[in-house]
Amino acid sequence: MTGTIEARLAELGITLPEAPNPVANYVPYTFSGNLLFVSGQISKAADGKIVTGTLGDTVGIEAGQAAARLCALNILAQAKAALGNLDRITQVVRLTGFVSATPTFPDHPKVVNGASDLMVEVLGDKGRHTRAAVGVASLPMGSAVEVDAIIAVAD
């Protein structure tokens, strides 16, 4: 049976990718009480292609936002794998966005808006969250953006 969030994804023309497998010695998600912690998800598309590069050098803000959106889609894919039903999400509590950027790049928050906007677009008020947007020298597999999440869930 399709839930409310699945129907919203369909309405938006969004198909979630398969939940990516970990690339090292960690789990893709874990629970603590009613909180789901989703490991960092890189800017990997459903076809396996990774948006790579550095903001302020080879990647522009709009491409960075699209990369962050991919990260958010992967977070939702992990949440679906963990929960079985995305309607169990009661609140996205926190997103932390890491942006591969030059030392002088100032627009990390604009880039991570790609992930934040998707969460609100799909989940409405349940998608509103606290956040950090941090610039870093590099990310796994050359990814332009990585985002992790803490999500409150119903039993």
N, C-alpha and C. Protein backbone atom coordinates (compact mmCIF):
# COMPACT_ATOMS: atom_id res chain seq x y z
N MET A 1 0.84 -1.19 0.00
CA MET A 1 0.00 0.00 0.00
C MET A 1 0.88 1.24 0.00
N THR A 2 0.55 2.20 -0.83
CA THR A 2 1.32 3.42 -0.93
C THR A 2 0.89 4.38 0.16
N GLY A 3 1.90 4.97 0.83
CA GLY A 3 1.62 5.92 1.90
C GLY A 3 1.55 7.34 1.38
N THR A 4 1.32 8.25 2.29
CA THR A 4 1.20 9.66 1.96
C THR A 4 2.48 10.23 1.37
N ILE A 5 3.61 9.89 1.97
CA ILE A 5 4.89 10.41 1.47
C ILE A 5 5.22 9.79 0.12
N GLU A 6 4.96 8.50 -0.05
CA GLU A 6 5.19 7.86 -1.35
C GLU A 6 4.31 8.52 -2.41
N ALA A 7 3.07 8.85 -2.07
CA ALA A 7 2.18 9.52 -3.01
C ALA A 7 2.72 10.91 -3.36
N ARG A 8 3.26 11.59 -2.36
CA ARG A 8 3.84 12.92 -2.60
C ARG A 8 5.04 12.82 -3.53
N LEU A 9 5.89 11.83 -3.33
CA LEU A 9 7.03 11.62 -4.23
C LEU A 9 6.55 11.40 -5.66
N ALA A 10 5.53 10.56 -5.82
CA ALA A 10 4.99 10.28 -7.15
C ALA A 10 4.41 11.55 -7.78
N GLU A 11 3.71 12.33 -6.97
CA GLU A 11 3.13 13.59 -7.44
C GLU A 11 4.21 14.54 -7.95
N LEU A 12 5.37 14.51 -7.29
CA LEU A 12 6.49 15.37 -7.67
C LEU A 12 7.32 14.77 -8.80
N GLY A 13 6.98 13.54 -9.21
CA GLY A 13 7.74 12.87 -10.26
C GLY A 13 9.10 12.39 -9.79
N ILE A 14 9.21 12.10 -8.50
CA ILE A 14 10.47 11.67 -7.92
C ILE A 14 10.43 10.17 -7.64
N THR A 15 11.43 9.47 -8.13
CA THR A 15 11.60 8.06 -7.83
C THR A 15 12.83 7.94 -6.95
N LEU A 16 12.66 7.34 -5.79
CA LEU A 16 13.81 7.16 -4.90
C LEU A 16 14.77 6.13 -5.48
N PRO A 17 16.07 6.38 -5.35
CA PRO A 17 17.03 5.36 -5.78
C PRO A 17 17.04 4.21 -4.78
N GLU A 18 17.71 3.13 -5.12
CA GLU A 18 17.96 2.07 -4.14
C GLU A 18 18.88 2.66 -3.07
N ALA A 19 18.69 2.24 -1.84
CA ALA A 19 19.55 2.73 -0.75
C ALA A 19 20.99 2.29 -1.02
N PRO A 20 21.92 3.25 -1.09
CA PRO A 20 23.31 2.89 -1.39
C PRO A 20 23.93 2.03 -0.30
N ASN A 21 24.79 1.11 -0.71
CA ASN A 21 25.55 0.31 0.25
C ASN A 21 26.71 1.11 0.80
N PRO A 22 27.11 0.83 2.04
CA PRO A 22 28.29 1.51 2.60
C PRO A 22 29.54 1.18 1.78
N VAL A 23 30.47 2.13 1.73
CA VAL A 23 31.71 1.91 0.99
C VAL A 23 32.89 1.65 1.92
N ALA A 24 32.62 1.56 3.22
CA ALA A 24 33.68 1.31 4.20
C ALA A 24 33.05 0.59 5.40
N ASN A 25 33.74 0.58 6.52
CA ASN A 25 33.31 -0.16 7.70
C ASN A 25 32.37 0.67 8.58
N TYR A 26 31.13 0.79 8.12
CA TYR A 26 30.08 1.49 8.87
C TYR A 26 28.73 0.96 8.40
N VAL A 27 27.69 1.30 9.12
CA VAL A 27 26.33 0.93 8.70
C VAL A 27 25.66 2.16 8.09
N PRO A 28 24.73 1.94 7.17
CA PRO A 28 24.10 3.09 6.51
C PRO A 28 23.14 3.85 7.42
N TYR A 29 22.63 3.17 8.44
CA TYR A 29 21.73 3.82 9.40
C TYR A 29 21.72 3.01 10.68
N THR A 30 21.32 3.68 11.75
CA THR A 30 21.12 3.01 13.03
C THR A 30 20.07 3.78 13.82
N PHE A 31 19.50 3.11 14.80
CA PHE A 31 18.48 3.73 15.64
C PHE A 31 19.01 3.95 17.05
N SER A 32 18.53 5.00 17.67
CA SER A 32 18.67 5.22 19.10
C SER A 32 17.32 5.74 19.57
N GLY A 33 16.59 4.90 20.28
CA GLY A 33 15.23 5.27 20.67
C GLY A 33 14.39 5.52 19.43
N ASN A 34 13.72 6.68 19.40
CA ASN A 34 12.88 7.00 18.23
C ASN A 34 13.63 7.85 17.21
N LEU A 35 14.97 7.85 17.29
CA LEU A 35 15.76 8.61 16.33
C LEU A 35 16.46 7.66 15.35
N LEU A 36 16.35 8.00 14.08
CA LEU A 36 17.05 7.28 13.02
C LEU A 36 18.23 8.15 12.60
N PHE A 37 19.43 7.61 12.71
CA PHE A 37 20.63 8.31 12.29
C PHE A 37 21.04 7.73 10.94
N VAL A 38 21.09 8.58 9.93
CA VAL A 38 21.47 8.14 8.58
C VAL A 38 22.89 8.63 8.31
N SER A 39 23.77 7.68 7.98
CA SER A 39 25.15 8.03 7.66
C SER A 39 25.20 8.99 6.48
N GLY A 40 26.32 9.67 6.36
CA GLY A 40 26.51 10.62 5.27
C GLY A 40 26.25 10.00 3.91
N GLN A 41 25.45 10.67 3.12
CA GLN A 41 25.11 10.23 1.77
C GLN A 41 25.74 11.20 0.78
N ILE A 42 26.49 10.67 -0.17
CA ILE A 42 27.15 11.53 -1.13
C ILE A 42 26.23 11.84 -2.30
N SER A 43 26.70 12.70 -3.18
CA SER A 43 25.91 13.15 -4.32
C SER A 43 25.97 12.14 -5.46
N LYS A 44 25.37 10.98 -5.20
CA LYS A 44 25.36 9.87 -6.15
C LYS A 44 23.95 9.70 -6.71
N ALA A 45 23.86 9.73 -8.03
CA ALA A 45 22.57 9.57 -8.71
C ALA A 45 22.18 8.10 -8.77
N ALA A 46 20.93 7.85 -9.11
CA ALA A 46 20.42 6.48 -9.19
C ALA A 46 21.19 5.63 -10.20
N ASP A 47 21.74 6.26 -11.24
CA ASP A 47 22.51 5.51 -12.24
C ASP A 47 23.95 5.24 -11.81
N GLY A 48 24.30 5.66 -10.58
CA GLY A 48 25.64 5.42 -10.05
C GLY A 48 26.63 6.54 -10.29
N LYS A 49 26.25 7.49 -11.13
CA LYS A 49 27.15 8.62 -11.41
C LYS A 49 27.20 9.54 -10.19
N ILE A 50 28.41 9.96 -9.84
CA ILE A 50 28.61 10.85 -8.70
C ILE A 50 28.92 12.25 -9.20
N VAL A 51 28.24 13.24 -8.63
CA VAL A 51 28.57 14.63 -8.93
C VAL A 51 29.84 14.93 -8.15
N THR A 52 30.92 15.16 -8.88
CA THR A 52 32.22 15.39 -8.26
C THR A 52 32.66 16.82 -8.51
N GLY A 53 33.68 17.22 -7.76
CA GLY A 53 34.28 18.53 -7.97
C GLY A 53 34.24 19.39 -6.73
N THR A 54 34.66 20.62 -6.91
CA THR A 54 34.84 21.55 -5.81
C THR A 54 34.05 22.83 -6.07
N LEU A 55 33.21 23.20 -5.12
CA LEU A 55 32.47 24.45 -5.22
C LEU A 55 33.47 25.60 -5.16
N GLY A 56 33.23 26.61 -5.99
CA GLY A 56 34.15 27.73 -6.06
C GLY A 56 35.28 27.48 -7.05
N ASP A 57 35.29 26.30 -7.67
CA ASP A 57 36.29 25.97 -8.68
C ASP A 57 35.59 25.33 -9.88
N THR A 58 35.34 24.03 -9.82
CA THR A 58 34.77 23.31 -10.97
C THR A 58 33.26 23.13 -10.89
N VAL A 59 32.64 23.47 -9.77
CA VAL A 59 31.20 23.28 -9.57
C VAL A 59 30.57 24.59 -9.16
N GLY A 60 29.49 24.98 -9.85
CA GLY A 60 28.76 26.19 -9.52
C GLY A 60 27.69 25.92 -8.46
N ILE A 61 27.10 26.98 -7.96
CA ILE A 61 26.11 26.87 -6.88
C ILE A 61 24.91 26.02 -7.31
N GLU A 62 24.37 26.24 -8.50
CA GLU A 62 23.20 25.46 -8.93
C GLU A 62 23.53 23.97 -9.05
N ALA A 63 24.69 23.65 -9.58
CA ALA A 63 25.10 22.25 -9.67
C ALA A 63 25.34 21.68 -8.27
N GLY A 64 25.85 22.50 -7.37
CA GLY A 64 26.03 22.07 -5.98
C GLY A 64 24.70 21.80 -5.30
N GLN A 65 23.71 22.64 -5.56
CA GLN A 65 22.37 22.42 -5.01
C GLN A 65 21.78 21.12 -5.54
N ALA A 66 21.97 20.86 -6.82
CA ALA A 66 21.48 19.60 -7.41
C ALA A 66 22.19 18.41 -6.77
N ALA A 67 23.48 18.56 -6.48
CA ALA A 67 24.24 17.49 -5.81
C ALA A 67 23.69 17.27 -4.40
N ALA A 68 23.39 18.34 -3.69
CA ALA A 68 22.82 18.23 -2.34
C ALA A 68 21.45 17.57 -2.38
N ARG A 69 20.69 17.85 -3.42
CA ARG A 69 19.37 17.21 -3.59
C ARG A 69 19.53 15.70 -3.75
N LEU A 70 20.55 15.27 -4.51
CA LEU A 70 20.83 13.84 -4.64
C LEU A 70 21.13 13.22 -3.28
N CYS A 71 21.89 13.94 -2.47
CA CYS A 71 22.20 13.45 -1.11
C CYS A 71 20.91 13.24 -0.33
N ALA A 72 20.00 14.21 -0.41
CA ALA A 72 18.73 14.11 0.31
C ALA A 72 17.89 12.94 -0.20
N LEU A 73 17.89 12.71 -1.50
CA LEU A 73 17.18 11.55 -2.04
C LEU A 73 17.75 10.26 -1.49
N ASN A 74 19.07 10.19 -1.37
CA ASN A 74 19.71 9.00 -0.81
C ASN A 74 19.39 8.86 0.68
N ILE A 75 19.26 9.96 1.39
CA ILE A 75 18.84 9.90 2.79
C ILE A 75 17.45 9.31 2.89
N LEU A 76 16.53 9.78 2.04
CA LEU A 76 15.17 9.22 2.05
C LEU A 76 15.16 7.75 1.66
N ALA A 77 16.03 7.37 0.73
CA ALA A 77 16.13 5.95 0.35
C ALA A 77 16.61 5.12 1.53
N GLN A 78 17.58 5.63 2.28
CA GLN A 78 18.05 4.91 3.48
C GLN A 78 16.93 4.85 4.53
N ALA A 79 16.20 5.95 4.69
CA ALA A 79 15.09 5.96 5.65
C ALA A 79 14.03 4.93 5.26
N LYS A 80 13.75 4.82 3.98
CA LYS A 80 12.77 3.83 3.54
C LYS A 80 13.27 2.42 3.82
N ALA A 81 14.57 2.18 3.58
CA ALA A 81 15.15 0.86 3.86
C ALA A 81 15.07 0.55 5.35
N ALA A 82 15.28 1.56 6.18
CA ALA A 82 15.27 1.37 7.62
C ALA A 82 13.87 1.20 8.18
N LEU A 83 12.93 1.96 7.64
CA LEU A 83 11.59 2.05 8.22
C LEU A 83 10.55 1.21 7.49
N GLY A 84 10.79 0.92 6.23
CA GLY A 84 9.80 0.22 5.43
C GLY A 84 8.72 1.15 4.90
N ASN A 85 8.38 2.16 5.67
CA ASN A 85 7.31 3.09 5.31
C ASN A 85 7.74 4.50 5.72
N LEU A 86 7.89 5.38 4.74
CA LEU A 86 8.33 6.75 5.03
C LEU A 86 7.32 7.53 5.86
N ASP A 87 6.09 7.06 5.93
CA ASP A 87 5.10 7.75 6.76
C ASP A 87 5.41 7.63 8.25
N ARG A 88 6.35 6.80 8.61
CA ARG A 88 6.79 6.72 10.01
C ARG A 88 7.64 7.92 10.42
N ILE A 89 8.09 8.71 9.45
CA ILE A 89 8.88 9.92 9.77
C ILE A 89 7.96 10.93 10.44
N THR A 90 8.36 11.37 11.63
CA THR A 90 7.60 12.42 12.31
C THR A 90 8.28 13.77 12.20
N GLN A 91 9.61 13.78 12.01
CA GLN A 91 10.33 15.05 11.88
C GLN A 91 11.76 14.79 11.42
N VAL A 92 12.21 15.55 10.45
CA VAL A 92 13.65 15.59 10.16
C VAL A 92 14.21 16.55 11.21
N VAL A 93 15.03 16.02 12.09
CA VAL A 93 15.53 16.81 13.21
C VAL A 93 16.74 17.64 12.80
N ARG A 94 17.67 17.01 12.05
CA ARG A 94 18.93 17.68 11.74
C ARG A 94 19.51 17.16 10.43
N LEU A 95 20.00 18.07 9.62
CA LEU A 95 20.84 17.73 8.48
C LEU A 95 22.19 18.40 8.68
N THR A 96 23.23 17.69 8.36
CA THR A 96 24.56 18.28 8.34
C THR A 96 25.09 18.11 6.93
N GLY A 97 25.39 19.24 6.28
CA GLY A 97 25.87 19.22 4.91
C GLY A 97 27.34 19.56 4.85
N PHE A 98 28.08 18.77 4.11
CA PHE A 98 29.50 18.99 3.90
C PHE A 98 29.69 19.32 2.42
N VAL A 99 30.34 20.43 2.16
CA VAL A 99 30.51 20.92 0.80
C VAL A 99 31.99 20.95 0.47
N SER A 100 32.40 20.23 -0.55
CA SER A 100 33.78 20.29 -1.01
C SER A 100 33.95 21.66 -1.66
N ALA A 101 34.81 22.48 -1.08
CA ALA A 101 34.88 23.87 -1.52
C ALA A 101 36.30 24.43 -1.41
N THR A 102 36.52 25.45 -2.21
CA THR A 102 37.78 26.19 -2.09
C THR A 102 37.77 26.94 -0.76
N PRO A 103 38.95 27.32 -0.26
CA PRO A 103 39.00 28.03 1.03
C PRO A 103 38.24 29.35 1.05
N THR A 104 38.04 29.97 -0.10
CA THR A 104 37.36 31.27 -0.13
C THR A 104 35.88 31.18 -0.51
N PHE A 105 35.36 29.97 -0.73
CA PHE A 105 33.96 29.82 -1.12
C PHE A 105 33.07 30.14 0.08
N PRO A 106 32.13 31.10 -0.06
CA PRO A 106 31.33 31.53 1.10
C PRO A 106 29.90 30.99 1.16
N ASP A 107 29.46 30.26 0.14
CA ASP A 107 28.03 29.98 0.00
C ASP A 107 27.62 28.55 0.33
N HIS A 108 28.25 27.95 1.33
CA HIS A 108 27.89 26.59 1.75
C HIS A 108 26.39 26.47 2.05
N PRO A 109 25.80 27.44 2.78
CA PRO A 109 24.36 27.31 3.07
C PRO A 109 23.50 27.28 1.81
N LYS A 110 23.85 28.06 0.79
CA LYS A 110 23.08 28.04 -0.45
C LYS A 110 23.14 26.67 -1.11
N VAL A 111 24.29 26.03 -1.06
CA VAL A 111 24.45 24.71 -1.65
C VAL A 111 23.59 23.69 -0.90
N VAL A 112 23.69 23.68 0.42
CA VAL A 112 22.97 22.69 1.22
C VAL A 112 21.46 22.92 1.17
N ASN A 113 21.04 24.11 0.75
CA ASN A 113 19.61 24.34 0.54
C ASN A 113 19.01 23.32 -0.43
N GLY A 114 19.82 22.78 -1.33
CA GLY A 114 19.32 21.75 -2.23
C GLY A 114 18.74 20.57 -1.48
N ALA A 115 19.40 20.17 -0.39
CA ALA A 115 18.91 19.07 0.44
C ALA A 115 17.74 19.53 1.31
N SER A 116 17.89 20.69 1.93
CA SER A 116 16.83 21.21 2.81
C SER A 116 15.53 21.42 2.04
N ASP A 117 15.63 22.03 0.87
CA ASP A 117 14.43 22.29 0.08
C ASP A 117 13.72 21.00 -0.30
N LEU A 118 14.48 19.97 -0.66
CA LEU A 118 13.85 18.70 -1.02
C LEU A 118 13.09 18.11 0.16
N MET A 119 13.70 18.15 1.34
CA MET A 119 13.03 17.59 2.53
C MET A 119 11.69 18.28 2.78
N VAL A 120 11.66 19.61 2.66
CA VAL A 120 10.41 20.34 2.88
C VAL A 120 9.43 20.09 1.74
N GLU A 121 9.94 20.02 0.51
CA GLU A 121 9.09 19.76 -0.65
C GLU A 121 8.37 18.41 -0.51
N VAL A 122 9.08 17.41 -0.03
CA VAL A 122 8.52 16.06 0.09
C VAL A 122 7.74 15.88 1.38
N LEU A 123 8.28 16.36 2.50
CA LEU A 123 7.71 16.06 3.81
C LEU A 123 6.90 17.19 4.43
N GLY A 124 6.85 18.36 3.79
CA GLY A 124 6.15 19.49 4.37
C GLY A 124 6.81 19.92 5.67
N ASP A 125 6.01 20.28 6.67
CA ASP A 125 6.57 20.74 7.94
C ASP A 125 7.42 19.69 8.64
N LYS A 126 7.16 18.40 8.38
CA LYS A 126 7.98 17.34 8.97
C LYS A 126 9.41 17.39 8.42
N GLY A 127 9.60 18.07 7.31
CA GLY A 127 10.92 18.18 6.70
C GLY A 127 11.73 19.37 7.17
N ARG A 128 11.11 20.26 7.95
CA ARG A 128 11.84 21.43 8.48
C ARG A 128 12.77 20.95 9.60
N HIS A 129 14.00 21.44 9.58
CA HIS A 129 15.03 20.85 10.43
C HIS A 129 16.07 21.88 10.86
N THR A 130 16.85 21.51 11.86
CA THR A 130 18.04 22.28 12.18
C THR A 130 19.11 21.82 11.21
N ARG A 131 20.20 22.62 11.10
CA ARG A 131 21.16 22.29 10.06
C ARG A 131 22.51 22.93 10.31
N ALA A 132 23.52 22.29 9.77
CA ALA A 132 24.84 22.88 9.65
C ALA A 132 25.29 22.70 8.21
N ALA A 133 26.00 23.69 7.68
CA ALA A 133 26.56 23.62 6.33
C ALA A 133 28.04 23.97 6.47
N VAL A 134 28.88 22.99 6.16
CA VAL A 134 30.31 23.10 6.44
C VAL A 134 31.12 22.91 5.17
N GLY A 135 32.12 23.74 4.97
CA GLY A 135 33.03 23.57 3.85
C GLY A 135 34.18 22.66 4.24
N VAL A 136 34.56 21.75 3.33
CA VAL A 136 35.65 20.82 3.59
C VAL A 136 36.57 20.77 2.37
N ALA A 137 37.78 20.28 2.60
CA ALA A 137 38.78 20.22 1.52
C ALA A 137 38.48 19.12 0.52
N SER A 138 37.91 18.01 0.97
CA SER A 138 37.57 16.91 0.06
C SER A 138 36.53 16.02 0.70
N LEU A 139 35.89 15.21 -0.14
CA LEU A 139 34.87 14.27 0.32
C LEU A 139 35.11 12.91 -0.33
N PRO A 140 34.51 11.85 0.23
CA PRO A 140 34.70 10.52 -0.34
C PRO A 140 34.36 10.45 -1.83
N MET A 141 35.19 9.73 -2.55
CA MET A 141 34.99 9.47 -3.98
C MET A 141 34.94 10.76 -4.81
N GLY A 142 35.48 11.85 -4.28
CA GLY A 142 35.50 13.12 -5.00
C GLY A 142 34.17 13.83 -5.03
N SER A 143 33.20 13.34 -4.24
CA SER A 143 31.86 13.91 -4.23
C SER A 143 31.90 15.41 -3.93
N ALA A 144 30.99 16.15 -4.57
CA ALA A 144 30.91 17.59 -4.34
C ALA A 144 30.22 17.90 -3.01
N VAL A 145 29.29 17.04 -2.59
CA VAL A 145 28.50 17.28 -1.38
C VAL A 145 28.23 15.96 -0.67
N GLU A 146 28.15 16.01 0.65
CA GLU A 146 27.72 14.88 1.47
C GLU A 146 26.79 15.43 2.55
N VAL A 147 25.72 14.70 2.83
CA VAL A 147 24.76 15.13 3.85
C VAL A 147 24.39 13.94 4.71
N ASP A 148 24.35 14.15 6.03
CA ASP A 148 23.83 13.12 6.93
C ASP A 148 22.58 13.65 7.62
N ALA A 149 21.87 12.77 8.32
CA ALA A 149 20.58 13.17 8.89
C ALA A 149 20.28 12.46 10.20
N ILE A 150 19.51 13.17 11.02
CA ILE A 150 18.87 12.61 12.21
C ILE A 150 17.38 12.82 12.00
N ILE A 151 16.63 11.72 12.08
CA ILE A 151 15.19 11.75 11.78
C ILE A 151 14.43 11.12 12.93
N ALA A 152 13.42 11.82 13.44
CA ALA A 152 12.54 11.25 14.46
C ALA A 152 11.48 10.41 13.77
N VAL A 153 11.18 9.25 14.37
CA VAL A 153 10.23 8.32 13.75
C VAL A 153 9.22 7.83 14.78
N ALA A 154 8.06 7.45 14.27
CA ALA A 154 7.03 6.82 15.08
C ALA A 154 7.30 5.34 15.15
N ASP A 155 6.84 4.72 16.24
CA ASP A 155 7.02 3.27 16.41
C ASP A 155 6.30 2.48 15.35
